[in-house]
């Protein structure tokens, strides 16, 4: 199934979870995750089943002054 991770298309198997998507993204923690603009706490990544065309955003904080 095709999903968007940070505006890049990825092909994941049916039944993939947000945890699977994070693994293929190579984004390094810390980050926050949302699926279709809805925040998902880290404790729910493994239980969050993805669907075709879901949009995942992995947001890395930027520090500085």
N, C-alpha and C. Protein backbone atom coordinates (compact mmCIF):
# COMPACT_ATOMS: atom_id res chain seq x y z
N UNK A 1 0.85 -1.18 0.00
CA UNK A 1 0.00 0.00 0.00
C UNK A 1 0.89 1.23 0.00
N UNK A 2 0.44 2.27 -0.65
CA UNK A 2 1.22 3.50 -0.75
C UNK A 2 0.78 4.48 0.33
N UNK A 3 1.78 5.06 1.00
CA UNK A 3 1.53 6.10 1.99
C UNK A 3 2.56 7.20 1.80
N UNK A 4 2.26 8.37 2.31
CA UNK A 4 3.19 9.49 2.29
C UNK A 4 3.83 9.64 3.65
N UNK A 5 5.15 9.70 3.67
CA UNK A 5 5.87 9.99 4.91
C UNK A 5 6.69 11.24 4.65
N UNK A 6 6.37 12.31 5.33
CA UNK A 6 7.04 13.60 5.12
C UNK A 6 7.10 13.95 3.64
N UNK A 7 5.96 13.83 2.97
CA UNK A 7 5.78 14.19 1.57
C UNK A 7 6.51 13.28 0.57
N UNK A 8 7.00 12.12 1.03
CA UNK A 8 7.65 11.16 0.14
C UNK A 8 6.83 9.88 0.12
N UNK A 9 6.58 9.36 -1.08
CA UNK A 9 5.79 8.15 -1.23
C UNK A 9 6.60 6.93 -0.81
N UNK A 10 5.95 6.04 -0.04
CA UNK A 10 6.55 4.78 0.40
C UNK A 10 5.54 3.66 0.18
N UNK A 11 6.05 2.48 -0.16
CA UNK A 11 5.20 1.31 -0.34
C UNK A 11 5.40 0.39 0.86
N UNK A 12 4.35 0.21 1.64
CA UNK A 12 4.40 -0.66 2.82
C UNK A 12 3.41 -1.81 2.64
N UNK A 13 3.66 -2.93 3.29
CA UNK A 13 2.71 -4.05 3.17
C UNK A 13 1.39 -3.74 3.86
N UNK A 14 0.33 -4.40 3.40
CA UNK A 14 -0.98 -4.26 4.05
C UNK A 14 -0.84 -4.63 5.52
N UNK A 15 -1.52 -3.89 6.37
CA UNK A 15 -1.46 -4.14 7.81
C UNK A 15 -0.29 -3.47 8.50
N UNK A 16 0.47 -2.65 7.76
CA UNK A 16 1.62 -1.96 8.36
C UNK A 16 1.13 -0.97 9.42
N UNK A 17 1.99 -0.73 10.40
CA UNK A 17 1.67 0.18 11.49
C UNK A 17 2.50 1.45 11.37
N UNK A 18 2.17 2.41 12.20
CA UNK A 18 2.96 3.63 12.25
C UNK A 18 4.40 3.30 12.66
N UNK A 19 4.58 2.33 13.52
CA UNK A 19 5.93 1.91 13.91
C UNK A 19 6.72 1.42 12.69
N UNK A 20 6.08 0.68 11.79
CA UNK A 20 6.73 0.23 10.56
C UNK A 20 7.12 1.42 9.68
N UNK A 21 6.23 2.39 9.59
CA UNK A 21 6.51 3.57 8.77
C UNK A 21 7.68 4.37 9.34
N UNK A 22 7.73 4.50 10.65
CA UNK A 22 8.85 5.21 11.29
C UNK A 22 10.16 4.50 10.96
N UNK A 23 10.14 3.18 10.98
CA UNK A 23 11.36 2.39 10.71
C UNK A 23 11.89 2.63 9.30
N UNK A 24 11.00 2.74 8.31
CA UNK A 24 11.47 2.95 6.93
C UNK A 24 11.82 4.40 6.66
N UNK A 25 11.38 5.31 7.52
CA UNK A 25 11.61 6.74 7.27
C UNK A 25 13.04 7.17 7.56
N UNK A 26 13.72 6.48 8.45
CA UNK A 26 15.09 6.82 8.87
C UNK A 26 15.17 8.15 9.60
N UNK A 27 14.04 8.66 10.08
CA UNK A 27 14.04 9.87 10.90
C UNK A 27 14.55 9.50 12.29
N UNK A 28 15.47 10.30 12.80
CA UNK A 28 16.10 10.03 14.09
C UNK A 28 15.37 10.78 15.20
N UNK A 29 15.05 10.08 16.31
CA UNK A 29 14.40 10.77 17.44
C UNK A 29 15.27 11.89 17.98
N UNK A 30 14.68 12.87 18.59
CA UNK A 30 13.27 13.00 18.95
C UNK A 30 12.44 13.55 17.79
N UNK A 31 11.19 13.13 17.74
CA UNK A 31 10.24 13.64 16.77
C UNK A 31 8.83 13.37 17.28
N UNK A 32 7.88 14.09 16.72
CA UNK A 32 6.46 13.85 16.98
C UNK A 32 5.87 13.29 15.70
N UNK A 33 4.84 12.46 15.83
CA UNK A 33 4.23 11.83 14.66
C UNK A 33 2.74 12.16 14.57
N UNK A 34 2.29 12.35 13.33
CA UNK A 34 0.86 12.49 13.09
C UNK A 34 0.48 11.65 11.88
N UNK A 35 -0.73 11.15 11.91
CA UNK A 35 -1.31 10.41 10.79
C UNK A 35 -2.54 11.19 10.36
N UNK A 36 -2.53 11.65 9.11
CA UNK A 36 -3.65 12.45 8.59
C UNK A 36 -3.97 13.63 9.51
N UNK A 37 -2.90 14.31 9.93
CA UNK A 37 -2.98 15.53 10.75
C UNK A 37 -3.48 15.29 12.18
N UNK A 38 -3.49 14.04 12.64
CA UNK A 38 -3.88 13.72 14.00
C UNK A 38 -2.66 13.20 14.76
N UNK A 39 -2.28 13.89 15.85
CA UNK A 39 -1.13 13.49 16.66
C UNK A 39 -1.33 12.07 17.18
N UNK A 40 -0.24 11.28 17.16
CA UNK A 40 -0.28 9.92 17.70
C UNK A 40 0.84 9.81 18.74
N UNK A 41 0.52 9.50 20.00
CA UNK A 41 1.56 9.34 21.02
C UNK A 41 2.43 8.12 20.71
N UNK A 42 3.68 8.19 21.09
CA UNK A 42 4.64 7.12 20.82
C UNK A 42 4.13 5.78 21.34
N UNK A 43 3.43 5.78 22.44
CA UNK A 43 2.94 4.53 23.02
C UNK A 43 1.93 3.82 22.12
N UNK A 44 1.39 4.51 21.10
CA UNK A 44 0.41 3.91 20.21
C UNK A 44 0.94 3.60 18.81
N UNK A 45 2.22 3.84 18.56
CA UNK A 45 2.77 3.61 17.21
C UNK A 45 2.53 2.17 16.75
N UNK A 46 2.77 1.19 17.60
CA UNK A 46 2.65 -0.21 17.20
C UNK A 46 1.19 -0.63 16.99
N UNK A 47 0.25 0.08 17.59
CA UNK A 47 -1.17 -0.27 17.44
C UNK A 47 -1.88 0.55 16.36
N UNK A 48 -1.20 1.54 15.80
CA UNK A 48 -1.83 2.41 14.81
C UNK A 48 -1.66 1.80 13.42
N UNK A 49 -2.72 1.17 12.93
CA UNK A 49 -2.71 0.52 11.62
C UNK A 49 -2.90 1.59 10.54
N UNK A 50 -2.09 1.49 9.51
CA UNK A 50 -2.15 2.46 8.42
C UNK A 50 -3.05 1.96 7.30
N UNK A 51 -3.54 2.91 6.51
CA UNK A 51 -4.38 2.62 5.35
C UNK A 51 -3.77 3.24 4.10
N UNK A 52 -4.14 2.72 2.96
CA UNK A 52 -3.69 3.26 1.68
C UNK A 52 -3.90 4.78 1.66
N UNK A 53 -2.88 5.50 1.19
CA UNK A 53 -2.91 6.96 1.02
C UNK A 53 -2.88 7.75 2.32
N UNK A 54 -2.60 7.10 3.46
CA UNK A 54 -2.43 7.87 4.69
C UNK A 54 -1.24 8.81 4.54
N UNK A 55 -1.32 9.94 5.21
CA UNK A 55 -0.23 10.92 5.21
C UNK A 55 0.35 10.98 6.61
N UNK A 56 1.63 10.65 6.70
CA UNK A 56 2.34 10.65 7.98
C UNK A 56 3.32 11.81 7.99
N UNK A 57 3.30 12.56 9.07
CA UNK A 57 4.28 13.62 9.27
C UNK A 57 5.10 13.30 10.52
N UNK A 58 6.41 13.25 10.35
CA UNK A 58 7.33 13.06 11.46
C UNK A 58 8.06 14.39 11.63
N UNK A 59 7.74 15.08 12.72
CA UNK A 59 8.18 16.45 12.94
C UNK A 59 9.31 16.48 13.95
N UNK A 60 10.47 16.93 13.48
CA UNK A 60 11.66 17.00 14.32
C UNK A 60 11.75 18.42 14.88
N UNK A 61 11.95 18.55 16.21
CA UNK A 61 12.06 19.89 16.79
C UNK A 61 13.35 20.57 16.33
N UNK A 62 13.26 21.87 16.17
CA UNK A 62 14.42 22.67 15.79
C UNK A 62 14.76 23.56 16.97
N UNK A 63 16.01 23.48 17.42
CA UNK A 63 16.43 24.30 18.56
C UNK A 63 17.34 25.42 18.06
N UNK A 64 17.49 26.38 18.88
CA UNK A 64 18.36 27.49 18.53
C UNK A 64 17.76 28.80 18.99
N UNK A 65 18.47 29.84 18.73
CA UNK A 65 17.97 31.11 19.22
C UNK A 65 17.96 32.19 18.29
